[in-house]
Amino acid sequence: QGPYVYALYQAYGLPRADIAKLFVAGFGASMAFGTVVGSWVDKLGRKRGCQLYCLLYMFSCATKHFGNFWVLMLGRFTGGVATSLLFSAFEAWLIREHELREEEAVSLNTDGIEDGGSDRPIAQQESLQRLFGLMWFGSSLVAIASGPVGDLVVGMQPLTPTGVADFHFGGLTAAFDLAALLLLVGLILLSLLWRENFGIGARTVAETDTATDSSNSKVEAMSVEGTAFSPWDLLREALAAISKSPTLMALMAVVAGFEASMYAFVFNWTPALTEGASAAPD
């Protein structure tokens, strides 16, 4: 859907200034919620955070059918919040699930301490690195395949107004419909196959196994001692840790620069291509 956002707004006749406001609203919502969503998801549950991401982004895709500026603004806002969840809840769930499975494997292996116990942390880290490598490799393949598939569905039918509530269907909106369908499939799969896990907190949390290979739900209680921290306490702690680490500051600068250049490209590439195509050759 990424290549069609600006083009869809343009097809609705929105001026460039309004399109810029829509993009800034999405980026701003992601920036505002990204500072607290991580700690919030730790308390809510990472699985629930992933489910909420799917629901919010499905709603955002649905708003693309309307040529109304404020409906599109609402969709950009929910899409920005969903983006914050995308880059926090999923990886947090994966890391904790990996830890839980390793702990379960150790508890089942009575010889784990004597037999290779000292090498287990290294093996765990390497296993997690392979998981992340496969995740990003698969994500890249899907992104490449999404280009021609999206172009195919967009070309099936022209963008058609219904005359009711400024609602449109077909054309560029088809890419968002396909994205919503895939989000629904992902929502169903993670709801059925994933178990819930939580961040470290100052309370007893329940991690429920809802995997299909288990005949009965299994609840494991994990008690953590200490004092509860608010999101702002965690934010201050994170800022203090970052200020003491030049490596973290350099990493954040690189990520911020990359994301800024990507957002600038996303906003400008569609008009650059269309204006270049319509310009008369010298």
C-alpha atoms as a PDB file:
ATOM      1  CA  GLN A   1       0.000   0.000   0.000  1.00  0.00           C
ATOM      2  CA  GLY A   2       2.938   2.344   0.564  1.00  0.00           C
ATOM      3  CA  PRO A   3       3.366   3.485  -3.055  1.00  0.00           C
ATOM      4  CA  TYR A   4      -0.311   4.404  -3.350  1.00  0.00           C
ATOM      5  CA  VAL A   5      -0.896   6.669  -0.349  1.00  0.00           C
ATOM      6  CA  TYR A   6       0.136   9.956  -1.958  1.00  0.00           C
ATOM      7  CA  ALA A   7      -1.388   8.958  -5.296  1.00  0.00           C
ATOM      8  CA  LEU A   8      -4.720   8.178  -3.626  1.00  0.00           C
ATOM      9  CA  TYR A   9      -4.800  11.521  -1.814  1.00  0.00           C
ATOM     10  CA  GLN A  10      -3.986  13.187  -5.109  1.00  0.00           C
ATOM     11  CA  ALA A  11      -6.770  11.260  -6.856  1.00  0.00           C
ATOM     12  CA  TYR A  12      -9.216  12.630  -4.268  1.00  0.00           C
ATOM     13  CA  GLY A  13      -8.226  16.133  -5.361  1.00  0.00           C
ATOM     14  CA  LEU A  14      -6.488  17.136  -2.137  1.00  0.00           C
ATOM     15  CA  PRO A  15      -3.956  19.991  -2.488  1.00  0.00           C
ATOM     16  CA  ARG A  16      -0.322  19.274  -1.700  1.00  0.00           C
ATOM     17  CA  ALA A  17      -0.537  21.282   1.545  1.00  0.00           C
ATOM     18  CA  ASP A  18      -3.344  19.067   2.872  1.00  0.00           C
ATOM     19  CA  ILE A  19      -1.490  15.944   1.796  1.00  0.00           C
ATOM     20  CA  ALA A  20       1.537  17.171   3.740  1.00  0.00           C
ATOM     21  CA  LYS A  21      -0.653  17.660   6.822  1.00  0.00           C
ATOM     22  CA  LEU A  22      -1.911  14.079   6.527  1.00  0.00           C
ATOM     23  CA  PHE A  23       1.622  12.705   6.319  1.00  0.00           C
ATOM     24  CA  VAL A  24       2.818  14.819   9.247  1.00  0.00           C
ATOM     25  CA  ALA A  25      -0.170  13.666  11.327  1.00  0.00           C
ATOM     26  CA  GLY A  26       0.775  10.023  10.817  1.00  0.00           C
ATOM     27  CA  PHE A  27       4.443  10.604  11.576  1.00  0.00           C
ATOM     28  CA  GLY A  28       3.581  12.783  14.572  1.00  0.00           C
ATOM     29  CA  ALA A  29       1.215  10.192  16.054  1.00  0.00           C
ATOM     30  CA  SER A  30       3.901   7.543  15.704  1.00  0.00           C
ATOM     31  CA  MET A  31       6.469   9.819  17.373  1.00  0.00           C
ATOM     32  CA  ALA A  32       4.147  10.746  20.269  1.00  0.00           C
ATOM     33  CA  PHE A  33       2.955   7.237  21.036  1.00  0.00           C
ATOM     34  CA  GLY A  34       6.286   5.590  20.315  1.00  0.00           C
ATOM     35  CA  THR A  35       7.737   7.073  23.507  1.00  0.00           C
ATOM     36  CA  VAL A  36       5.268   5.263  25.783  1.00  0.00           C
ATOM     37  CA  VAL A  37       3.799   2.400  23.781  1.00  0.00           C
ATOM     38  CA  GLY A  38       6.618  -0.011  24.669  1.00  0.00           C
ATOM     39  CA  SER A  39       6.044   0.147  28.429  1.00  0.00           C
ATOM     40  CA  TRP A  40       2.281   0.214  27.907  1.00  0.00           C
ATOM     41  CA  VAL A  41       2.393  -2.974  25.826  1.00  0.00           C
ATOM     42  CA  ASP A  42       4.559  -4.629  28.486  1.00  0.00           C
ATOM     43  CA  LYS A  43       1.665  -4.205  30.924  1.00  0.00           C
ATOM     44  CA  LEU A  44      -1.158  -4.836  28.465  1.00  0.00           C
ATOM     45  CA  GLY A  45       0.510  -7.914  26.971  1.00  0.00           C
ATOM     46  CA  ARG A  46       2.625  -8.175  23.824  1.00  0.00           C
ATOM     47  CA  LYS A  47       0.132 -10.462  22.061  1.00  0.00           C
ATOM     48  CA  ARG A  48      -2.671  -7.994  22.746  1.00  0.00           C
ATOM     49  CA  GLY A  49      -0.437  -5.236  21.420  1.00  0.00           C
ATOM     50  CA  CYS A  50       0.061  -7.154  18.173  1.00  0.00           C
ATOM     51  CA  GLN A  51      -3.684  -7.751  17.907  1.00  0.00           C
ATOM     52  CA  LEU A  52      -4.327  -4.063  18.489  1.00  0.00           C
ATOM     53  CA  TYR A  53      -1.846  -3.219  15.725  1.00  0.00           C
ATOM     54  CA  CYS A  54      -3.787  -5.367  13.253  1.00  0.00           C
ATOM     55  CA  LEU A  55      -7.119  -3.808  14.239  1.00  0.00           C
ATOM     56  CA  LEU A  56      -5.850  -0.219  14.117  1.00  0.00           C
ATOM     57  CA  TYR A  57      -4.204  -0.671  10.738  1.00  0.00           C
ATOM     58  CA  MET A  58      -7.258  -2.425   9.310  1.00  0.00           C
ATOM     59  CA  PHE A  59      -9.281   0.607  10.396  1.00  0.00           C
ATOM     60  CA  SER A  60      -6.682   2.900   8.821  1.00  0.00           C
ATOM     61  CA  CYS A  61      -6.977   0.984   5.542  1.00  0.00           C
ATOM     62  CA  ALA A  62     -10.772   1.275   5.661  1.00  0.00           C
ATOM     63  CA  THR A  63     -10.601   5.079   5.929  1.00  0.00           C
ATOM     64  CA  LYS A  64      -8.777   5.214   2.585  1.00  0.00           C
ATOM     65  CA  HIS A  65     -12.117   4.603   0.859  1.00  0.00           C
ATOM     66  CA  PHE A  66     -13.308   8.080   1.854  1.00  0.00           C
ATOM     67  CA  GLY A  67     -12.324  11.239   0.020  1.00  0.00           C
ATOM     68  CA  ASN A  68     -12.971  13.347   3.125  1.00  0.00           C
ATOM     69  CA  PHE A  69      -9.935  15.089   4.643  1.00  0.00           C
ATOM     70  CA  TRP A  70     -10.928  14.494   8.279  1.00  0.00           C
ATOM     71  CA  VAL A  71     -11.719  10.831   7.779  1.00  0.00           C
ATOM     72  CA  LEU A  72      -8.333  10.423   6.129  1.00  0.00           C
ATOM     73  CA  MET A  73      -6.761  12.339   9.028  1.00  0.00           C
ATOM     74  CA  LEU A  74      -8.300   9.884  11.498  1.00  0.00           C
ATOM     75  CA  GLY A  75      -6.889   7.025   9.452  1.00  0.00           C
ATOM     76  CA  ARG A  76      -3.435   8.586   9.453  1.00  0.00           C
ATOM     77  CA  PHE A  77      -3.606   9.014  13.223  1.00  0.00           C
ATOM     78  CA  THR A  78      -4.577   5.378  13.863  1.00  0.00           C
ATOM     79  CA  GLY A  79      -1.975   4.280  11.329  1.00  0.00           C
ATOM     80  CA  GLY A  80       0.704   6.218  13.222  1.00  0.00           C
ATOM     81  CA  VAL A  81      -0.258   4.584  16.515  1.00  0.00           C
ATOM     82  CA  ALA A  82      -0.256   1.190  14.790  1.00  0.00           C
ATOM     83  CA  THR A  83       3.243   1.848  13.433  1.00  0.00           C
ATOM     84  CA  SER A  84       4.489   2.399  16.989  1.00  0.00           C
ATOM     85  CA  LEU A  85       3.009  -0.972  17.951  1.00  0.00           C
ATOM     86  CA  LEU A  86       4.536  -2.627  14.888  1.00  0.00           C
ATOM     87  CA  PHE A  87       8.058  -1.629  15.890  1.00  0.00           C
ATOM     88  CA  SER A  88       7.691  -2.565  19.564  1.00  0.00           C
ATOM     89  CA  ALA A  89       5.123  -5.258  20.341  1.00  0.00           C
ATOM     90  CA  PHE A  90       6.127  -7.881  17.767  1.00  0.00           C
ATOM     91  CA  GLU A  91       9.839  -7.985  18.501  1.00  0.00           C
ATOM     92  CA  ALA A  92       9.230  -7.752  22.261  1.00  0.00           C
ATOM     93  CA  TRP A  93       6.862 -10.725  22.019  1.00  0.00           C
ATOM     94  CA  LEU A  94       9.388 -12.699  19.962  1.00  0.00           C
ATOM     95  CA  ILE A  95      12.250 -12.122  22.395  1.00  0.00           C
ATOM     96  CA  ARG A  96      10.184 -13.067  25.443  1.00  0.00           C
ATOM     97  CA  GLU A  97       8.673 -16.109  23.717  1.00  0.00           C
ATOM     98  CA  HIS A  98      12.177 -17.251  22.783  1.00  0.00           C
ATOM     99  CA  GLU A  99      13.254 -16.878  26.412  1.00  0.00           C
ATOM    100  CA  LEU A 100      10.235 -18.834  27.658  1.00  0.00           C
ATOM    101  CA  ARG A 101      10.869 -21.688  25.247  1.00  0.00           C
ATOM    102  CA  GLU A 102      14.508 -21.850  26.272  1.00  0.00           C
ATOM    103  CA  GLU A 103      13.497 -21.931  29.930  1.00  0.00           C
ATOM    104  CA  GLU A 104      11.017 -24.724  29.228  1.00  0.00           C
ATOM    105  CA  ALA A 105      13.683 -26.681  27.353  1.00  0.00           C
ATOM    106  CA  VAL A 106      16.054 -26.363  30.327  1.00  0.00           C
ATOM    107  CA  SER A 107      13.386 -27.487  32.784  1.00  0.00           C
ATOM    108  CA  LEU A 108      12.636 -30.562  30.668  1.00  0.00           C
ATOM    109  CA  ASN A 109      16.305 -31.452  30.334  1.00  0.00           C
ATOM    110  CA  THR A 110      17.432 -32.693  33.738  1.00  0.00           C
ATOM    111  CA  ASP A 111      21.045 -32.775  32.524  1.00  0.00           C
ATOM    112  CA  GLY A 112      20.966 -29.208  31.220  1.00  0.00           C
ATOM    113  CA  ILE A 113      23.205 -27.755  33.904  1.00  0.00           C
ATOM    114  CA  GLU A 114      25.849 -30.406  33.710  1.00  0.00           C
ATOM    115  CA  ASP A 115      25.648 -30.986  29.959  1.00  0.00           C
ATOM    116  CA  GLY A 116      26.592 -27.804  28.123  1.00  0.00           C
ATOM    117  CA  GLY A 117      24.933 -25.522  30.644  1.00  0.00           C
ATOM    118  CA  SER A 118      27.663 -22.879  30.416  1.00  0.00           C
ATOM    119  CA  ASP A 119      27.307 -22.711  26.629  1.00  0.00           C
ATOM    120  CA  ARG A 120      23.534 -22.326  26.690  1.00  0.00           C
ATOM    121  CA  PRO A 121      23.411 -18.473  26.853  1.00  0.00           C
ATOM    122  CA  ILE A 122      25.630 -18.277  23.751  1.00  0.00           C
ATOM    123  CA  ALA A 123      23.444 -20.795  21.922  1.00  0.00           C
ATOM    124  CA  GLN A 124      20.331 -18.852  22.927  1.00  0.00           C
ATOM    125  CA  GLN A 125      21.773 -15.621  21.560  1.00  0.00           C
ATOM    126  CA  GLU A 126      22.783 -17.265  18.288  1.00  0.00           C
ATOM    127  CA  SER A 127      19.330 -18.805  17.947  1.00  0.00           C
ATOM    128  CA  LEU A 128      17.682 -15.419  18.452  1.00  0.00           C
ATOM    129  CA  GLN A 129      20.024 -13.839  15.931  1.00  0.00           C
ATOM    130  CA  ARG A 130      19.004 -16.443  13.348  1.00  0.00           C
ATOM    131  CA  LEU A 131      15.342 -15.727  14.064  1.00  0.00           C
ATOM    132  CA  PHE A 132      15.806 -12.003  13.481  1.00  0.00           C
ATOM    133  CA  GLY A 133      17.835 -12.686  10.350  1.00  0.00           C
ATOM    134  CA  LEU A 134      15.092 -14.895   8.930  1.00  0.00           C
ATOM    135  CA  MET A 135      12.456 -12.344   9.929  1.00  0.00           C
ATOM    136  CA  TRP A 136      14.099  -9.449   8.103  1.00  0.00           C
ATOM    137  CA  PHE A 137      15.005 -11.603   5.104  1.00  0.00           C
ATOM    138  CA  GLY A 138      11.412 -12.809   4.814  1.00  0.00           C
ATOM    139  CA  SER A 139      10.107  -9.274   5.285  1.00  0.00           C
ATOM    140  CA  SER A 140      12.259  -8.064   2.394  1.00  0.00           C
ATOM    141  CA  LEU A 141      11.016 -10.837   0.113  1.00  0.00           C
ATOM    142  CA  VAL A 142       7.401 -10.045   0.969  1.00  0.00           C
ATOM    143  CA  ALA A 143       7.996  -6.336   0.335  1.00  0.00           C
ATOM    144  CA  ILE A 144       9.459  -7.083  -3.101  1.00  0.00           C
ATOM    145  CA  ALA A 145       6.568  -9.383  -4.008  1.00  0.00           C
ATOM    146  CA  SER A 146       4.029  -6.833  -2.763  1.00  0.00           C
ATOM    147  CA  GLY A 147       5.023  -4.395  -5.516  1.00  0.00           C
ATOM    148  CA  PRO A 148       3.763  -6.363  -8.545  1.00  0.00           C
ATOM    149  CA  VAL A 149       0.862  -7.865  -6.594  1.00  0.00           C
ATOM    150  CA  GLY A 150      -0.303  -4.410  -5.503  1.00  0.00           C
ATOM    151  CA  ASP A 151       0.034  -3.087  -9.039  1.00  0.00           C
ATOM    152  CA  LEU A 152      -2.060  -6.019 -10.264  1.00  0.00           C
ATOM    153  CA  VAL A 153      -4.988  -5.439  -7.897  1.00  0.00           C
ATOM    154  CA  VAL A 154      -4.932  -1.665  -8.405  1.00  0.00           C
ATOM    155  CA  GLY A 155      -5.307  -2.147 -12.162  1.00  0.00           C
ATOM    156  CA  MET A 156      -8.308  -4.459 -11.932  1.00  0.00           C
ATOM    157  CA  GLN A 157     -10.880  -1.672 -11.644  1.00  0.00           C
ATOM    158  CA  PRO A 158     -10.761   2.142 -11.792  1.00  0.00           C
ATOM    159  CA  LEU A 159     -11.352   4.274  -8.731  1.00  0.00           C
ATOM    160  CA  THR A 160     -15.128   4.647  -8.604  1.00  0.00           C
ATOM    161  CA  PRO A 161     -17.160   7.050  -6.423  1.00  0.00           C
ATOM    162  CA  THR A 162     -20.433   5.755  -5.003  1.00  0.00           C
ATOM    163  CA  GLY A 163     -21.962   9.162  -4.373  1.00  0.00           C
ATOM    164  CA  VAL A 164     -22.616   8.197  -0.735  1.00  0.00           C
ATOM    165  CA  ALA A 165     -20.565   9.813   2.050  1.00  0.00           C
ATOM    166  CA  ASP A 166     -17.719  10.449  -0.403  1.00  0.00           C
ATOM    167  CA  PHE A 167     -17.048   6.695  -0.432  1.00  0.00           C
ATOM    168  CA  HIS A 168     -14.941   5.190  -3.251  1.00  0.00           C
ATOM    169  CA  PHE A 169     -13.997   1.666  -4.238  1.00  0.00           C
ATOM    170  CA  GLY A 170     -11.660   0.030  -6.714  1.00  0.00           C
ATOM    171  CA  GLY A 171      -8.526   1.540  -8.167  1.00  0.00           C
ATOM    172  CA  LEU A 172      -5.929   2.643  -5.659  1.00  0.00           C
ATOM    173  CA  THR A 173      -8.124   1.615  -2.712  1.00  0.00           C
ATOM    174  CA  ALA A 174      -7.781  -2.049  -3.755  1.00  0.00           C
ATOM    175  CA  ALA A 175      -4.196  -2.115  -2.463  1.00  0.00           C
ATOM    176  CA  PHE A 176      -5.441  -1.097   0.985  1.00  0.00           C
ATOM    177  CA  ASP A 177      -8.205  -3.708   0.844  1.00  0.00           C
ATOM    178  CA  LEU A 178      -5.615  -6.385   0.137  1.00  0.00           C
ATOM    179  CA  ALA A 179      -3.474  -5.119   3.023  1.00  0.00           C
ATOM    180  CA  ALA A 180      -6.501  -5.254   5.344  1.00  0.00           C
ATOM    181  CA  LEU A 181      -7.236  -8.818   4.249  1.00  0.00           C
ATOM    182  CA  LEU A 182      -3.662  -9.897   5.010  1.00  0.00           C
ATOM    183  CA  LEU A 183      -3.855  -8.141   8.378  1.00  0.00           C
ATOM    184  CA  LEU A 184      -7.032 -10.101   9.136  1.00  0.00           C
ATOM    185  CA  VAL A 185      -5.272 -13.367   8.295  1.00  0.00           C
ATOM    186  CA  GLY A 186      -2.357 -12.397  10.531  1.00  0.00           C
ATOM    187  CA  LEU A 187      -4.728 -11.401  13.338  1.00  0.00           C
ATOM    188  CA  ILE A 188      -6.474 -14.779  13.206  1.00  0.00           C
ATOM    189  CA  LEU A 189      -3.209 -16.718  13.159  1.00  0.00           C
ATOM    190  CA  LEU A 190      -1.585 -14.895  16.055  1.00  0.00           C
ATOM    191  CA  SER A 191      -4.811 -15.039  18.071  1.00  0.00           C
ATOM    192  CA  LEU A 192      -4.926 -18.822  17.690  1.00  0.00           C
ATOM    193  CA  LEU A 193      -1.253 -19.756  17.776  1.00  0.00           C
ATOM    194  CA  TRP A 194       0.487 -17.279  20.071  1.00  0.00           C
ATOM    195  CA  ARG A 195       0.508 -17.271  23.853  1.00  0.00           C
ATOM    196  CA  GLU A 196       0.526 -14.056  25.815  1.00  0.00           C
ATOM    197  CA  ASN A 197       3.625 -12.691  27.501  1.00  0.00           C
ATOM    198  CA  PHE A 198       4.386  -9.571  29.476  1.00  0.00           C
ATOM    199  CA  GLY A 199       7.297  -7.338  30.322  1.00  0.00           C
ATOM    200  CA  ILE A 200       9.023  -7.379  33.673  1.00  0.00           C
ATOM    201  CA  GLY A 201       6.757  -5.543  36.082  1.00  0.00           C
ATOM    202  CA  ALA A 202       6.115  -5.108  39.773  1.00  0.00           C
ATOM    203  CA  ARG A 203       3.205  -7.492  39.862  1.00  0.00           C
ATOM    204  CA  THR A 204       2.320 -11.103  39.237  1.00  0.00           C
ATOM    205  CA  VAL A 205       1.604 -11.669  35.568  1.00  0.00           C
ATOM    206  CA  ALA A 206       0.085 -14.672  33.870  1.00  0.00           C
ATOM    207  CA  GLU A 207       1.528 -16.028  30.666  1.00  0.00           C
ATOM    208  CA  THR A 208      -1.116 -18.139  29.017  1.00  0.00           C
ATOM    209  CA  ASP A 209      -0.346 -20.841  26.504  1.00  0.00           C
ATOM    210  CA  THR A 210      -2.972 -20.736  23.756  1.00  0.00           C
ATOM    211  CA  ALA A 211      -1.020 -22.735  21.197  1.00  0.00           C
ATOM    212  CA  THR A 212      -3.038 -25.299  19.286  1.00  0.00           C
ATOM    213  CA  ASP A 213      -0.767 -28.147  20.244  1.00  0.00           C
ATOM    214  CA  SER A 214      -1.885 -27.817  23.862  1.00  0.00           C
ATOM    215  CA  SER A 215      -5.176 -29.462  24.760  1.00  0.00           C
ATOM    216  CA  ASN A 216      -5.704 -27.275  27.801  1.00  0.00           C
ATOM    217  CA  SER A 217      -4.698 -23.715  28.547  1.00  0.00           C
ATOM    218  CA  LYS A 218      -1.648 -23.521  30.743  1.00  0.00           C
ATOM    219  CA  VAL A 219      -1.103 -20.606  33.042  1.00  0.00           C
ATOM    220  CA  GLU A 220       2.304 -19.921  34.456  1.00  0.00           C
ATOM    221  CA  ALA A 221       2.530 -17.347  37.217  1.00  0.00           C
ATOM    222  CA  MET A 222       5.632 -15.204  37.312  1.00  0.00           C
ATOM    223  CA  SER A 223       6.106 -13.074  40.417  1.00  0.00           C
ATOM    224  CA  VAL A 224       8.366 -10.071  40.210  1.00  0.00           C
ATOM    225  CA  GLU A 225       9.280  -8.054  43.240  1.00  0.00           C
ATOM    226  CA  GLY A 226       9.810  -4.344  43.322  1.00  0.00           C
ATOM    227  CA  THR A 227       7.982  -1.082  42.779  1.00  0.00           C
ATOM    228  CA  ALA A 228       5.792  -0.347  39.769  1.00  0.00           C
ATOM    229  CA  PHE A 229       7.201   2.197  37.332  1.00  0.00           C
ATOM    230  CA  SER A 230       5.115   4.627  35.297  1.00  0.00           C
ATOM    231  CA  PRO A 231       5.867   5.110  31.569  1.00  0.00           C
ATOM    232  CA  TRP A 232       7.450   8.465  32.396  1.00  0.00           C
ATOM    233  CA  ASP A 233       9.761   6.847  34.972  1.00  0.00           C
ATOM    234  CA  LEU A 234      10.817   4.319  32.348  1.00  0.00           C
ATOM    235  CA  LEU A 235      11.314   7.114  29.803  1.00  0.00           C
ATOM    236  CA  ARG A 236      13.548   9.058  32.194  1.00  0.00           C
ATOM    237  CA  GLU A 237      15.504   5.899  32.951  1.00  0.00           C
ATOM    238  CA  ALA A 238      15.938   5.228  29.230  1.00  0.00           C
ATOM    239  CA  LEU A 239      17.119   8.799  28.575  1.00  0.00           C
ATOM    240  CA  ALA A 240      19.616   8.507  31.413  1.00  0.00           C
ATOM    241  CA  ALA A 241      20.961   5.233  29.994  1.00  0.00           C
ATOM    242  CA  ILE A 242      21.221   6.721  26.488  1.00  0.00           C
ATOM    243  CA  SER A 243      23.053   9.816  27.714  1.00  0.00           C
ATOM    244  CA  LYS A 244      25.749   7.585  29.241  1.00  0.00           C
ATOM    245  CA  SER A 245      26.273   5.546  26.051  1.00  0.00           C
ATOM    246  CA  PRO A 246      27.851   7.199  22.984  1.00  0.00           C
ATOM    247  CA  THR A 247      27.169   3.986  21.042  1.00  0.00           C
ATOM    248  CA  LEU A 248      23.441   4.234  21.689  1.00  0.00           C
ATOM    249  CA  MET A 249      23.391   7.921  20.763  1.00  0.00           C
ATOM    250  CA  ALA A 250      25.227   7.188  17.499  1.00  0.00           C
ATOM    251  CA  LEU A 251      22.841   4.345  16.733  1.00  0.00           C
ATOM    252  CA  MET A 252      19.822   6.571  17.380  1.00  0.00           C
ATOM    253  CA  ALA A 253      21.258   9.298  15.143  1.00  0.00           C
ATOM    254  CA  VAL A 254      21.743   6.800  12.312  1.00  0.00           C
ATOM    255  CA  VAL A 255      18.204   5.427  12.688  1.00  0.00           C
ATOM    256  CA  ALA A 256      16.697   8.923  12.892  1.00  0.00           C
ATOM    257  CA  GLY A 257      18.596  10.022   9.778  1.00  0.00           C
ATOM    258  CA  PHE A 258      17.519   6.940   7.854  1.00  0.00           C
ATOM    259  CA  GLU A 259      13.872   7.275   8.878  1.00  0.00           C
ATOM    260  CA  ALA A 260      13.838  10.992   8.039  1.00  0.00           C
ATOM    261  CA  SER A 261      15.250  10.374   4.569  1.00  0.00           C
ATOM    262  CA  MET A 262      12.752   7.561   4.005  1.00  0.00           C
ATOM    263  CA  TYR A 263       9.799   9.749   5.003  1.00  0.00           C
ATOM    264  CA  ALA A 264      11.024  12.551   2.745  1.00  0.00           C
ATOM    265  CA  PHE A 265      11.298  10.053  -0.124  1.00  0.00           C
ATOM    266  CA  VAL A 266       7.820   8.614   0.517  1.00  0.00           C
ATOM    267  CA  PHE A 267       6.288  12.086   0.415  1.00  0.00           C
ATOM    268  CA  ASN A 268       8.109  13.357  -2.677  1.00  0.00           C
ATOM    269  CA  TRP A 269       8.606  10.415  -4.986  1.00  0.00           C
ATOM    270  CA  THR A 270       5.050  10.220  -6.382  1.00  0.00           C
ATOM    271  CA  PRO A 271       4.842  13.895  -7.447  1.00  0.00           C
ATOM    272  CA  ALA A 272       8.425  13.720  -8.729  1.00  0.00           C
ATOM    273  CA  LEU A 273       7.555  10.794 -10.998  1.00  0.00           C
ATOM    274  CA  THR A 274       4.218  12.196 -12.197  1.00  0.00           C
ATOM    275  CA  GLU A 275       5.617  15.667 -12.870  1.00  0.00           C
ATOM    276  CA  GLY A 276       8.626  14.168 -14.624  1.00  0.00           C
ATOM    277  CA  ALA A 277       6.414  11.972 -16.797  1.00  0.00           C
ATOM    278  CA  SER A 278       4.184  14.896 -17.815  1.00  0.00           C
ATOM    279  CA  ALA A 279       7.048  17.284 -18.550  1.00  0.00           C
ATOM    280  CA  ALA A 280       7.856  17.790 -22.197  1.00  0.00           C
ATOM    281  CA  PRO A 281      11.307  16.475 -23.234  1.00  0.00           C
ATOM    282  CA  ASP A 282      13.974  19.029 -24.095  1.00  0.00           C
END
